[in-house]
Amino acid sequence: MPLIKYIISVLFILNSLGLAAQSSEKDTTRKKIIDTLKKDLLTAPDTVQHLHSKLGALIPPAALVGYGVASFYVKPLRRLDHYVYKEAKEHDISTRATLEDYFQHAPVVLVYGLNLAGIHGKNTFIDRTIILIMSQGMLQLTLNTLKHSTQRLRPNEANRLSFPSGHTGNAFADAEFMAQEYSGKSVYYGIVGYAFATTTGVFRIYHQDHWLSDVIAGAGFGILSTKAAYLLYPYLRNALFKAKNEDEHKPAELRHKERSSSSLLMPSYQNGSVGLSFVASF
């Protein structure tokens, strides 16, 4: 069965990654865990230029989103949805456990697990966690809004929250997160993350929870949300620390003068009269 062959291929990739990581990162993984955590938590990067995503990289996921949206209006795409659903139903491999519930989060677990093992990504714990929160925030807002506004019926007719696929969106957002953090060390990290994401989408179709176009759109939204988070985070980080950096570069006398002068405007009440009091100190 094609899907079984696909799963075997994923397992082969995982095994290959394990052998490659064992060889290339042998010295790194010997570090003590406490030293790893200290370095990752307390050492901020000198620059955030490496966080930028190229705008051109947004085109492929945007095309996936466009395909999903087009399925509402282009009849051949909708017929393809039903054809894939029919094939999945005829070759049902449903398991007792919905593995996609776990596969969708596997890339994030791997990112933090690799870091704990001493294999550092390109960002610190704090930076990458903020990026992940930003990505998930944008993704969940988009998914929930579209699910309730499009009202597409699921293949299994459970409800009208089919478009887009939430599991697939989460999986591809996390896969892109892993690729961003570790593809600089080895392309296999990104391949493994996307293998888990693709498997998640396939299972959503086989379990008759989503149409093909739901899964494709979910993948697009997931990748877009993470790429957007990496694109926006440098500006957010610079904005948060800009005032502090500017203050540190001011002459000591000027900083002392600014800190020693203050003013206060507050309401007052005396003898039945309401007013405002202004107090300033220099």
Protein backbone atom coordinates (compact mmCIF):
# COMPACT_ATOMS: atom_id res chain seq x y z
CA MET A 1 0.00 0.00 0.00
CA PRO A 2 1.47 3.43 -0.94
CA LEU A 3 0.92 4.89 2.53
CA ILE A 4 2.69 1.97 4.22
CA LYS A 5 5.68 2.51 1.91
CA TYR A 6 5.59 6.19 2.81
CA ILE A 7 5.66 5.47 6.55
CA ILE A 8 8.56 3.05 6.06
CA SER A 9 10.43 5.79 4.19
CA VAL A 10 9.82 8.20 7.08
CA LEU A 11 11.21 5.67 9.54
CA PHE A 12 14.26 5.18 7.31
CA ILE A 13 14.89 8.94 7.29
CA LEU A 14 14.60 9.04 11.07
CA ASN A 15 17.16 6.25 11.38
CA SER A 16 19.53 8.01 8.97
CA LEU A 17 19.22 11.23 10.94
CA GLY A 18 20.05 9.42 14.15
CA LEU A 19 23.24 7.98 12.65
CA ALA A 20 24.29 11.32 11.16
CA ALA A 21 23.62 13.24 14.38
CA GLN A 22 25.53 10.64 16.40
CA SER A 23 28.57 11.10 14.17
CA SER A 24 28.60 14.88 13.59
CA GLU A 25 27.51 16.01 17.04
CA LYS A 26 29.46 13.49 19.12
CA ASP A 27 31.61 16.05 20.91
CA THR A 28 28.74 18.50 21.46
CA THR A 29 26.44 16.02 23.16
CA ARG A 30 29.08 15.25 25.79
CA LYS A 31 28.49 18.62 27.42
CA LYS A 32 26.83 18.68 30.79
CA ILE A 33 23.10 19.48 30.72
CA ILE A 34 23.46 22.25 33.29
CA ASP A 35 26.05 24.05 31.12
CA THR A 36 23.80 23.69 28.09
CA LEU A 37 20.84 25.23 29.90
CA LYS A 38 22.91 28.13 31.23
CA LYS A 39 24.26 28.94 27.79
CA ASP A 40 20.90 28.68 26.11
CA LEU A 41 18.87 30.56 28.67
CA LEU A 42 21.25 33.36 29.60
CA THR A 43 23.24 34.10 26.45
CA ALA A 44 21.44 36.41 24.03
CA PRO A 45 22.54 36.59 20.39
CA ASP A 46 24.71 39.53 19.33
CA THR A 47 22.43 40.18 16.38
CA VAL A 48 19.00 39.15 15.19
CA GLN A 49 19.75 39.55 11.51
CA HIS A 50 19.73 35.78 11.07
CA LEU A 51 16.08 35.69 12.13
CA HIS A 52 14.89 37.29 8.92
CA SER A 53 12.94 35.16 6.45
CA LYS A 54 13.07 36.14 2.80
CA LEU A 55 9.79 37.40 1.42
CA GLY A 56 10.16 35.09 -1.56
CA ALA A 57 9.88 32.12 0.78
CA LEU A 58 6.28 33.14 1.50
CA ILE A 59 5.18 32.38 -2.08
CA PRO A 60 4.95 28.53 -1.85
CA PRO A 61 2.83 28.47 1.34
CA ALA A 62 0.69 31.30 -0.04
CA ALA A 63 0.07 29.13 -3.11
CA LEU A 64 -1.09 26.28 -0.84
CA VAL A 65 -3.52 28.63 0.87
CA GLY A 66 -4.70 29.83 -2.53
CA TYR A 67 -5.40 26.24 -3.58
CA GLY A 68 -7.53 25.68 -0.48
CA VAL A 69 -9.52 28.85 -1.03
CA ALA A 70 -9.98 28.04 -4.74
CA SER A 71 -11.57 24.70 -3.82
CA PHE A 72 -14.67 26.64 -2.75
CA TYR A 73 -15.10 28.03 -6.26
CA VAL A 74 -13.34 25.70 -8.72
CA LYS A 75 -15.42 22.58 -9.28
CA PRO A 76 -12.58 20.31 -10.52
CA LEU A 77 -10.74 20.89 -7.24
CA ARG A 78 -13.85 19.97 -5.27
CA ARG A 79 -14.28 16.83 -7.38
CA LEU A 80 -10.70 15.93 -6.55
CA ASP A 81 -11.57 16.29 -2.84
CA HIS A 82 -14.34 13.73 -3.21
CA TYR A 83 -12.18 11.39 -5.30
CA VAL A 84 -9.41 11.36 -2.67
CA TYR A 85 -12.00 10.86 0.07
CA LYS A 86 -13.43 7.87 -1.79
CA GLU A 87 -9.97 6.32 -2.24
CA ALA A 88 -9.12 6.88 1.43
CA LYS A 89 -12.36 5.26 2.51
CA GLU A 90 -11.75 2.21 0.33
CA HIS A 91 -8.20 1.78 1.69
CA ASP A 92 -9.00 2.66 5.28
CA ILE A 93 -6.08 2.04 7.64
CA SER A 94 -7.63 3.72 10.66
CA THR A 95 -5.90 2.82 13.89
CA ARG A 96 -7.38 2.79 17.37
CA ALA A 97 -5.20 5.74 18.31
CA THR A 98 -5.18 8.90 16.21
CA LEU A 99 -1.42 9.16 15.74
CA GLU A 100 -1.71 12.61 14.23
CA ASP A 101 -2.60 13.95 17.68
CA TYR A 102 1.02 13.23 18.61
CA PHE A 103 2.76 13.65 15.26
CA GLN A 104 1.61 17.29 14.96
CA HIS A 105 3.72 18.24 18.00
CA ALA A 106 6.72 16.01 17.28
CA PRO A 107 8.88 18.72 15.59
CA VAL A 108 8.60 21.07 18.60
CA VAL A 109 9.45 18.26 21.01
CA LEU A 110 12.47 17.41 18.86
CA VAL A 111 13.67 21.03 18.80
CA TYR A 112 13.72 21.36 22.57
CA GLY A 113 14.94 17.80 23.02
CA LEU A 114 17.90 18.34 20.70
CA ASN A 115 18.75 21.55 22.50
CA LEU A 116 18.64 19.81 25.85
CA ALA A 117 20.98 17.16 24.44
CA GLY A 118 23.50 19.86 23.57
CA ILE A 119 22.69 20.37 19.87
CA HIS A 120 21.96 24.10 19.73
CA GLY A 121 19.66 25.71 17.20
CA LYS A 122 20.27 29.18 15.79
CA ASN A 123 18.32 31.00 18.53
CA THR A 124 18.34 30.99 22.31
CA PHE A 125 15.61 29.35 24.36
CA ILE A 126 13.89 32.68 25.05
CA ASP A 127 14.03 33.96 21.46
CA ARG A 128 12.81 30.72 19.91
CA THR A 129 10.03 30.33 22.47
CA ILE A 130 8.72 33.84 21.78
CA ILE A 131 8.81 33.10 18.05
CA LEU A 132 6.90 29.86 18.61
CA ILE A 133 4.24 31.68 20.67
CA MET A 134 3.90 34.34 17.97
CA SER A 135 3.54 31.68 15.30
CA GLN A 136 0.90 29.74 17.18
CA GLY A 137 -0.98 32.90 18.09
CA MET A 138 -1.29 33.99 14.46
CA LEU A 139 -2.12 30.47 13.31
CA GLN A 140 -4.83 29.74 15.87
CA LEU A 141 -6.51 33.09 15.26
CA THR A 142 -6.57 32.40 11.52
CA LEU A 143 -7.74 28.80 11.83
CA ASN A 144 -10.54 29.49 14.30
CA THR A 145 -11.79 32.48 12.29
CA LEU A 146 -11.92 30.52 9.03
CA LYS A 147 -13.41 27.38 10.55
CA HIS A 148 -16.38 29.30 11.91
CA SER A 149 -16.80 31.56 8.89
CA THR A 150 -16.52 28.99 6.07
CA GLN A 151 -18.71 26.35 7.78
CA ARG A 152 -17.49 23.51 5.53
CA LEU A 153 -18.90 20.07 6.44
CA ARG A 154 -16.32 17.43 7.35
CA PRO A 155 -16.17 14.24 5.25
CA ASN A 156 -17.42 12.25 8.26
CA GLU A 157 -20.18 14.88 8.77
CA ALA A 158 -19.17 15.35 12.42
CA ASN A 159 -19.46 19.15 12.23
CA ARG A 160 -18.94 22.16 9.96
CA LEU A 161 -15.40 23.01 11.06
CA SER A 162 -13.54 21.26 8.28
CA PHE A 163 -11.69 24.14 6.59
CA PRO A 164 -8.78 24.43 7.15
CA SER A 165 -7.21 21.44 8.93
CA GLY A 166 -6.06 22.47 12.39
CA HIS A 167 -3.88 19.40 12.99
CA THR A 168 -2.12 19.93 9.68
CA GLY A 169 -1.68 23.63 10.35
CA ASN A 170 -0.05 22.91 13.72
CA ALA A 171 2.16 20.20 12.24
CA PHE A 172 3.50 22.33 9.38
CA ALA A 173 3.97 25.38 11.61
CA ASP A 174 6.07 23.23 13.94
CA ALA A 175 7.92 21.60 11.04
CA GLU A 176 8.91 25.01 9.68
CA PHE A 177 9.95 25.97 13.22
CA MET A 178 12.30 22.97 13.32
CA ALA A 179 13.62 23.73 9.84
CA GLN A 180 14.33 27.35 10.76
CA GLU A 181 16.21 26.35 13.89
CA TYR A 182 18.22 23.37 12.68
CA SER A 183 18.45 23.27 8.87
CA GLY A 184 21.63 25.31 9.17
CA LYS A 185 23.24 22.30 10.84
CA SER A 186 21.79 19.61 8.59
CA VAL A 187 19.05 19.49 5.97
CA TYR A 188 17.86 16.22 7.50
CA TYR A 189 16.36 18.04 10.48
CA GLY A 190 13.99 19.92 8.20
CA ILE A 191 13.18 16.73 6.29
CA VAL A 192 12.23 14.92 9.49
CA GLY A 193 10.04 17.80 10.68
CA TYR A 194 8.19 17.95 7.36
CA ALA A 195 7.88 14.15 7.28
CA PHE A 196 5.95 14.27 10.56
CA ALA A 197 3.83 17.13 9.22
CA THR A 198 3.03 15.35 5.95
CA THR A 199 2.13 12.16 7.81
CA THR A 200 -0.22 14.18 9.99
CA GLY A 201 -2.01 15.55 6.93
CA VAL A 202 -2.27 12.10 5.33
CA PHE A 203 -3.79 10.63 8.48
CA ARG A 204 -6.35 13.45 8.67
CA ILE A 205 -7.54 12.41 5.22
CA TYR A 206 -7.45 8.67 5.94
CA HIS A 207 -9.39 9.16 9.16
CA GLN A 208 -11.99 11.10 7.12
CA ASP A 209 -11.70 14.21 9.26
CA HIS A 210 -10.69 16.51 6.38
CA TRP A 211 -10.82 16.95 2.64
CA LEU A 212 -7.61 17.16 0.63
CA SER A 213 -8.03 20.92 0.14
CA ASP A 214 -8.48 21.39 3.91
CA VAL A 215 -5.13 19.71 4.50
CA ILE A 216 -3.34 21.65 1.75
CA ALA A 217 -4.66 24.96 3.08
CA GLY A 218 -3.78 24.01 6.66
CA ALA A 219 -0.21 23.29 5.58
CA GLY A 220 0.01 26.67 3.87
CA PHE A 221 -1.34 28.57 6.87
CA GLY A 222 1.02 26.69 9.21
CA ILE A 223 4.14 27.48 7.19
CA LEU A 224 3.08 31.09 6.68
CA SER A 225 2.51 31.69 10.38
CA THR A 226 5.98 30.48 11.35
CA LYS A 227 7.73 32.31 8.50
CA ALA A 228 5.84 35.48 9.44
CA ALA A 229 6.89 35.10 13.08
CA TYR A 230 10.56 34.81 12.08
CA LEU A 231 10.16 37.82 9.81
CA LEU A 232 8.46 40.04 12.42
CA TYR A 233 10.36 39.01 15.55
CA PRO A 234 13.55 41.02 14.87
CA TYR A 235 11.51 44.23 14.65
CA LEU A 236 9.65 43.37 17.86
CA ARG A 237 12.86 42.52 19.68
CA ASN A 238 14.61 45.67 18.49
CA ALA A 239 11.62 47.80 19.48
CA LEU A 240 11.61 46.34 22.99
CA PHE A 241 15.32 46.91 23.56
CA LYS A 242 15.80 50.09 21.54
CA ALA A 243 14.94 52.45 24.37
CA LYS A 244 17.26 50.60 26.73
CA ASN A 245 20.15 50.66 24.27
CA GLU A 246 19.68 54.36 23.52
CA ASP A 247 19.68 55.14 27.24
CA GLU A 248 22.91 53.21 27.78
CA HIS A 249 24.71 55.21 25.08
CA LYS A 250 23.73 58.61 26.52
CA PRO A 251 26.31 60.56 28.57
CA ALA A 252 26.21 59.79 32.28
CA GLU A 253 25.34 63.41 33.17
CA LEU A 254 22.37 63.42 30.81
CA ARG A 255 21.07 60.10 32.14
CA HIS A 256 21.37 61.41 35.70
CA LYS A 257 19.54 64.61 34.80
CA GLU A 258 16.69 62.72 33.10
CA ARG A 259 16.32 60.37 36.03
CA SER A 260 16.46 63.14 38.67
CA SER A 261 13.74 65.27 37.07
CA SER A 262 10.13 64.17 37.20
CA SER A 263 6.60 65.57 37.16
CA LEU A 264 3.23 64.39 38.40
CA LEU A 265 -0.35 65.44 37.57
CA MET A 266 -3.01 64.12 39.92
CA PRO A 267 -6.61 64.95 40.99
CA SER A 268 -7.23 66.72 44.31
CA TYR A 269 -10.22 67.28 46.58
CA GLN A 270 -10.33 69.96 49.30
CA ASN A 271 -13.22 71.70 51.07
CA GLY A 272 -15.79 70.28 48.64
CA SER A 273 -13.85 71.45 45.54
CA VAL A 274 -12.37 69.14 42.91
CA GLY A 275 -9.18 70.14 41.07
CA LEU A 276 -5.87 69.03 39.63
CA SER A 277 -2.47 69.28 41.29
CA PHE A 278 0.79 69.47 39.32
CA VAL A 279 4.03 68.64 41.05
CA ALA A 280 7.48 68.76 39.43
CA SER A 281 10.93 68.03 40.80
CA PHE A 282 14.34 68.83 39.26
